[in-house]
């Protein structure tokens, strides 16, 4: 990507969209997570994947970079699997606690021997995966469909019952950005050099 405006706007949109989606899920089910940890990790991941997508032009080198990153990711997950399971258990129980009031499902499940009262590590891993997918879709392949599909997967659980609607601010930011992406998608395909400025203006107007 030679145009700096497009690169920085795409990276910024990825950052804010990931944070908005995670905030939607957190606020919907009262899942506790440190804002500093989540924001910092998302900023690091977005910057890392954006630089790889922008600077590495050869597909083989790009694939090797992602394979190395994936290996580090898997090793990190395996090394701290117990902590991850406890936080997944905590997040799942936060969801089930509300769902069980209206749907035929258990109020809680237990698949970890340790108890957690936050989902910092879980949100960091989700941030890693979403940042990778969003940045590559924006910067590398310039397609919005993977972004829309993943965003819907994150938002759908929040809308199954009315008691789990997300906080208004992250929901408005996420929906506005997705709508702006759709509106400006034709510009991104036909005139990538101008897509960054158009995307920035469209997002500001919609917000």
Protein backbone atom coordinates (compact mmCIF):
# COMPACT_ATOMS: atom_id res chain seq x y z
CA UNK A 1 0.00 0.00 0.00
CA UNK A 2 1.76 3.11 -1.24
CA UNK A 3 -0.79 5.68 -0.06
CA UNK A 4 -0.01 6.67 3.53
CA UNK A 5 -3.47 8.10 4.21
CA UNK A 6 -5.14 4.85 3.23
CA UNK A 7 -2.70 2.87 5.35
CA UNK A 8 -3.17 4.92 8.50
CA UNK A 9 -6.95 5.20 8.10
CA UNK A 10 -7.28 1.45 7.51
CA UNK A 11 -5.13 0.72 10.56
CA UNK A 12 -7.08 3.18 12.72
CA UNK A 13 -10.43 1.78 11.59
CA UNK A 14 -9.21 -1.74 12.41
CA UNK A 15 -8.11 -0.59 15.86
CA UNK A 16 -11.34 1.19 16.77
CA UNK A 17 -13.56 -1.50 15.27
CA UNK A 18 -11.85 -4.27 17.27
CA UNK A 19 -12.07 -2.23 20.48
CA UNK A 20 -15.73 -1.37 19.83
CA UNK A 21 -16.71 -4.99 19.26
CA UNK A 22 -14.90 -6.18 22.38
CA UNK A 23 -16.52 -3.37 24.38
CA UNK A 24 -19.93 -4.36 23.01
CA UNK A 25 -19.48 -7.91 24.24
CA UNK A 26 -18.03 -6.80 27.58
CA UNK A 27 -20.85 -4.33 28.27
CA UNK A 28 -23.57 -6.74 27.14
CA UNK A 29 -22.70 -9.46 29.63
CA UNK A 30 -20.79 -7.47 32.28
CA UNK A 31 -17.58 -9.32 31.52
CA UNK A 32 -14.81 -7.58 33.45
CA UNK A 33 -11.58 -6.71 31.63
CA UNK A 34 -8.88 -4.10 32.12
CA UNK A 35 -9.33 -1.26 29.57
CA UNK A 36 -5.62 -0.48 29.69
CA UNK A 37 -4.61 -4.07 28.91
CA UNK A 38 -7.13 -4.47 26.10
CA UNK A 39 -6.43 -1.10 24.46
CA UNK A 40 -2.66 -1.48 24.71
CA UNK A 41 -2.62 -5.01 23.34
CA UNK A 42 -4.98 -4.11 20.49
CA UNK A 43 -2.81 -1.13 19.56
CA UNK A 44 0.30 -3.33 19.50
CA UNK A 45 -1.38 -6.09 17.47
CA UNK A 46 -2.92 -3.67 14.98
CA UNK A 47 0.41 -1.91 14.43
CA UNK A 48 2.27 -5.21 14.05
CA UNK A 49 -0.11 -6.73 11.51
CA UNK A 50 -0.46 -3.44 9.62
CA UNK A 51 3.31 -3.14 9.20
CA UNK A 52 3.58 -6.73 7.99
CA UNK A 53 0.69 -6.29 5.55
CA UNK A 54 2.15 -3.03 4.25
CA UNK A 55 5.88 -3.78 4.10
CA UNK A 56 5.99 -7.48 3.15
CA UNK A 57 5.10 -7.66 -0.54
CA UNK A 58 6.07 -11.24 -1.44
CA UNK A 59 3.33 -13.74 -0.65
CA UNK A 60 5.79 -16.40 0.46
CA UNK A 61 7.48 -14.07 2.93
CA UNK A 62 4.09 -12.85 4.14
CA UNK A 63 3.03 -16.46 4.72
CA UNK A 64 6.22 -17.24 6.64
CA UNK A 65 5.69 -14.20 8.88
CA UNK A 66 2.19 -15.38 9.69
CA UNK A 67 3.30 -18.95 10.30
CA UNK A 68 5.92 -17.73 12.79
CA UNK A 69 3.33 -15.47 14.43
CA UNK A 70 0.84 -18.35 14.59
CA UNK A 71 3.47 -20.60 16.19
CA UNK A 72 4.17 -17.98 18.86
CA UNK A 73 0.43 -17.59 19.41
CA UNK A 74 -0.12 -21.35 19.83
CA UNK A 75 2.88 -21.66 22.17
CA UNK A 76 1.56 -18.78 24.29
CA UNK A 77 -1.89 -20.35 24.50
CA UNK A 78 -0.48 -23.75 25.48
CA UNK A 79 1.90 -22.20 28.02
CA UNK A 80 -0.97 -20.41 29.80
CA UNK A 81 -3.81 -22.80 28.99
CA UNK A 82 -5.06 -23.04 32.58
CA UNK A 83 -5.41 -19.27 32.92
CA UNK A 84 -7.14 -19.07 29.54
CA UNK A 85 -9.60 -21.83 30.44
CA UNK A 86 -10.47 -20.15 33.72
CA UNK A 87 -11.19 -16.86 31.95
CA UNK A 88 -13.20 -18.59 29.23
CA UNK A 89 -15.17 -20.31 31.98
CA UNK A 90 -15.75 -16.94 33.64
CA UNK A 91 -16.93 -15.31 30.38
CA UNK A 92 -19.20 -18.23 29.48
CA UNK A 93 -20.81 -18.13 32.93
CA UNK A 94 -21.40 -14.39 32.59
CA UNK A 95 -23.33 -15.13 29.39
CA UNK A 96 -25.21 -18.13 30.79
CA UNK A 97 -26.18 -16.29 33.96
CA UNK A 98 -28.31 -13.89 31.90
CA UNK A 99 -29.45 -16.34 29.23
CA UNK A 100 -30.67 -18.87 31.80
CA UNK A 101 -33.34 -16.44 33.01
CA UNK A 102 -35.11 -16.55 29.65
CA UNK A 103 -33.76 -19.57 27.78
CA UNK A 104 -33.56 -23.27 28.70
CA UNK A 105 -29.85 -23.37 29.47
CA UNK A 106 -27.82 -23.97 32.65
CA UNK A 107 -26.91 -20.87 34.72
CA UNK A 108 -23.27 -21.91 34.84
CA UNK A 109 -20.78 -24.56 33.75
CA UNK A 110 -17.47 -25.67 35.20
CA UNK A 111 -14.58 -26.80 33.01
CA UNK A 112 -11.71 -25.20 34.88
CA UNK A 113 -10.35 -25.95 38.34
CA UNK A 114 -9.46 -22.30 38.96
CA UNK A 115 -11.81 -19.35 39.16
CA UNK A 116 -11.26 -16.04 37.45
CA UNK A 117 -12.94 -12.69 37.99
CA UNK A 118 -11.75 -11.02 34.79
CA UNK A 119 -11.22 -11.85 31.14
CA UNK A 120 -8.09 -9.80 30.39
CA UNK A 121 -6.14 -12.63 28.80
CA UNK A 122 -9.16 -13.90 26.85
CA UNK A 123 -9.80 -10.43 25.44
CA UNK A 124 -6.13 -10.06 24.52
CA UNK A 125 -6.31 -13.29 22.49
CA UNK A 126 -9.57 -12.23 20.86
CA UNK A 127 -7.97 -8.88 20.08
CA UNK A 128 -5.03 -10.68 18.47
CA UNK A 129 -7.28 -12.76 16.20
CA UNK A 130 -9.62 -9.90 15.26
CA UNK A 131 -6.73 -7.50 14.61
CA UNK A 132 -5.08 -10.02 12.30
CA UNK A 133 -8.28 -10.63 10.34
CA UNK A 134 -9.36 -6.99 10.13
CA UNK A 135 -5.97 -5.52 9.22
CA UNK A 136 -5.35 -8.09 6.49
CA UNK A 137 -8.83 -7.53 5.09
CA UNK A 138 -8.34 -3.75 5.09
CA UNK A 139 -4.71 -3.37 4.16
CA UNK A 140 -3.81 -6.53 2.25
CA UNK A 141 -6.83 -7.76 0.29
CA UNK A 142 -9.16 -4.73 0.61
CA UNK A 143 -12.30 -6.80 1.22
CA UNK A 144 -14.97 -6.01 3.80
CA UNK A 145 -16.79 -9.36 3.84
CA UNK A 146 -14.51 -11.07 6.41
CA UNK A 147 -14.83 -7.99 8.61
CA UNK A 148 -18.62 -7.92 8.39
CA UNK A 149 -18.92 -11.67 9.09
CA UNK A 150 -16.65 -11.56 12.14
CA UNK A 151 -18.39 -8.44 13.46
CA UNK A 152 -21.78 -10.12 13.15
CA UNK A 153 -20.47 -13.18 15.00
CA UNK A 154 -19.37 -10.97 17.90
CA UNK A 155 -22.58 -8.90 17.96
CA UNK A 156 -25.22 -11.62 17.48
CA UNK A 157 -25.00 -13.03 21.05
CA UNK A 158 -25.62 -9.50 22.36
CA UNK A 159 -28.99 -9.26 20.57
CA UNK A 160 -30.56 -12.62 21.36
CA UNK A 161 -32.39 -11.15 24.34
CA UNK A 162 -33.09 -7.51 25.17
CA UNK A 163 -31.31 -7.64 28.53
CA UNK A 164 -27.93 -8.04 26.81
CA UNK A 165 -27.95 -5.04 24.49
CA UNK A 166 -24.49 -3.41 24.29
CA UNK A 167 -23.66 0.02 25.63
CA UNK A 168 -24.66 2.67 23.10
CA UNK A 169 -21.24 4.23 22.43
CA UNK A 170 -19.33 1.13 21.20
CA UNK A 171 -22.40 -0.11 19.31
CA UNK A 172 -22.79 3.21 17.45
CA UNK A 173 -19.06 3.32 16.66
CA UNK A 174 -19.00 -0.28 15.38
CA UNK A 175 -22.16 0.04 13.28
CA UNK A 176 -21.08 3.41 11.88
CA UNK A 177 -17.71 2.07 10.80
CA UNK A 178 -19.24 -1.01 9.20
CA UNK A 179 -21.75 1.14 7.34
CA UNK A 180 -19.00 3.53 6.23
CA UNK A 181 -16.97 0.56 4.99
CA UNK A 182 -19.90 -0.62 2.92
CA UNK A 183 -20.62 2.83 1.50
CA UNK A 184 -16.99 3.41 0.51
CA UNK A 185 -16.20 -0.12 -0.68
CA UNK A 186 -16.58 0.85 -4.36
CA UNK A 187 -14.01 3.64 -3.89
CA UNK A 188 -11.58 1.19 -2.31
CA UNK A 189 -11.81 -1.07 -5.36
CA UNK A 190 -11.61 1.61 -8.07
CA UNK A 191 -9.45 4.29 -6.50
CA UNK A 192 -7.40 3.00 -3.53
CA UNK A 193 -5.37 6.23 -3.38
CA UNK A 194 -8.48 8.21 -2.37
CA UNK A 195 -10.21 5.53 -0.28
CA UNK A 196 -8.50 6.56 2.97
CA UNK A 197 -9.73 10.15 2.85
CA UNK A 198 -13.20 9.09 1.72
CA UNK A 199 -13.43 6.48 4.46
CA UNK A 200 -12.33 8.98 7.09
CA UNK A 201 -14.87 11.56 5.93
CA UNK A 202 -17.70 9.03 5.67
CA UNK A 203 -17.06 7.68 9.17
CA UNK A 204 -17.01 11.18 10.64
CA UNK A 205 -20.27 12.14 8.89
CA UNK A 206 -22.06 8.94 9.92
CA UNK A 207 -20.89 9.25 13.52
